[in-house]
Structures are given as structure tokens and as C-alpha cells.
N, C-alpha and C. Protein backbone atom coordinates (compact mmCIF):
# COMPACT_ATOMS: atom_id res chain seq x y z
N MET A 1 118.14 65.68 13.23
CA MET A 1 116.53 65.16 12.75
C MET A 1 116.35 66.57 12.52
N SER A 2 115.14 66.45 11.67
CA SER A 2 114.38 67.28 11.51
C SER A 2 113.16 67.54 12.31
N ASN A 3 112.50 69.14 13.08
CA ASN A 3 111.68 68.50 13.56
C ASN A 3 110.17 68.45 12.96
N ALA A 4 109.98 68.46 12.01
CA ALA A 4 108.99 67.74 11.05
C ALA A 4 109.06 66.09 11.29
N TRP A 5 110.05 65.60 11.29
CA TRP A 5 110.50 64.33 11.52
C TRP A 5 110.14 63.43 12.80
N ASN A 6 110.68 64.50 13.52
CA ASN A 6 110.14 64.45 15.35
C ASN A 6 108.77 64.65 15.45
N GLN A 7 108.25 65.29 14.97
CA GLN A 7 106.42 65.68 15.04
C GLN A 7 105.95 64.32 14.40
N THR A 8 106.41 64.11 13.08
CA THR A 8 105.94 62.71 13.30
C THR A 8 106.16 61.16 13.43
N HIS A 9 107.10 61.18 14.07
CA HIS A 9 107.51 60.39 14.77
C HIS A 9 106.71 60.22 16.37
N ARG A 10 106.84 61.15 16.81
CA ARG A 10 105.87 61.53 18.50
C ARG A 10 104.47 60.88 18.07
N MET A 11 103.50 61.37 16.83
CA MET A 11 102.72 61.01 16.67
C MET A 11 101.86 59.49 16.61
N LYS A 12 103.21 58.80 15.73
CA LYS A 12 103.22 57.47 15.28
C LYS A 12 103.29 56.83 16.90
N ARG A 13 104.35 57.14 17.87
CA ARG A 13 104.22 56.45 18.87
C ARG A 13 102.93 56.83 19.62
N LEU A 14 102.62 58.05 19.26
CA LEU A 14 101.15 58.06 20.21
C LEU A 14 100.01 57.07 19.75
N VAL A 15 100.18 56.76 18.53
CA VAL A 15 99.49 55.66 17.97
C VAL A 15 99.59 54.82 18.22
N GLU A 16 100.50 54.10 18.09
CA GLU A 16 101.16 52.88 18.60
C GLU A 16 100.99 52.47 20.05
N GLY A 17 101.42 53.29 20.57
CA GLY A 17 101.09 53.27 21.96
C GLY A 17 102.16 52.05 22.89
N PRO A 18 101.86 52.09 24.11
CA PRO A 18 102.62 50.90 24.85
C PRO A 18 103.24 49.81 23.70
N MET A 19 102.37 49.47 22.66
CA MET A 19 102.28 48.32 22.37
C MET A 19 103.94 48.25 21.54
N THR A 20 104.53 49.51 21.62
CA THR A 20 106.19 49.27 20.71
C THR A 20 106.93 49.45 22.53
N THR A 21 106.63 49.31 23.42
CA THR A 21 107.61 49.83 24.50
C THR A 21 108.43 48.42 24.65
N PRO A 22 109.70 48.36 24.75
CA PRO A 22 110.55 47.21 24.94
C PRO A 22 109.81 46.01 26.33
N GLU A 23 109.35 46.92 27.40
CA GLU A 23 108.97 45.95 27.99
C GLU A 23 107.77 45.10 27.74
N TYR A 24 106.57 45.57 26.84
CA TYR A 24 105.10 45.03 26.28
C TYR A 24 105.73 43.98 25.60
N ASN A 25 107.29 44.14 24.75
CA ASN A 25 107.67 42.82 23.33
C ASN A 25 108.36 41.68 24.49
N GLU A 26 108.98 41.58 25.89
CA GLU A 26 109.21 41.20 26.59
C GLU A 26 107.98 40.38 26.76
N TRP A 27 106.82 41.06 27.75
CA TRP A 27 106.13 40.37 28.12
C TRP A 27 105.60 39.39 27.04
N TYR A 28 105.52 40.52 25.39
CA TYR A 28 104.56 39.37 24.95
C TYR A 28 105.31 37.98 24.38
N ILE A 29 106.89 38.10 24.00
CA ILE A 29 107.75 37.23 23.76
C ILE A 29 107.78 36.15 24.82
N ARG A 30 107.72 36.23 25.95
CA ARG A 30 107.54 35.32 27.01
C ARG A 30 105.92 34.93 27.14
N SER A 31 105.40 35.57 26.96
CA SER A 31 103.43 34.88 26.73
C SER A 31 103.67 33.75 25.39
N VAL A 32 103.92 34.29 24.36
CA VAL A 32 104.10 33.27 23.30
C VAL A 32 105.02 31.95 23.22
N ARG A 33 105.92 32.22 24.32
CA ARG A 33 106.37 30.82 24.44
C ARG A 33 105.66 29.84 24.79
């Protein structure tokens, strides 16, 4: 993968934050059910 793509992906992860982590997704799914 290109370095530019990695930088963009990293910044996107920084902006989205922990809300995109699998742990958060699991907790969210459990809380919704």
C-alpha cells in the first residue's frame, strides 16, 4: 500500500477514534439488543 494511503487511513482512524474499534462495536451491539 502507498504511504499516502496509510497516512490518510491513520488520520481517518484518529478522527473516528475508539468508536470504530471491535470492542466498542461489541458493546454497542449488546447495548442495543
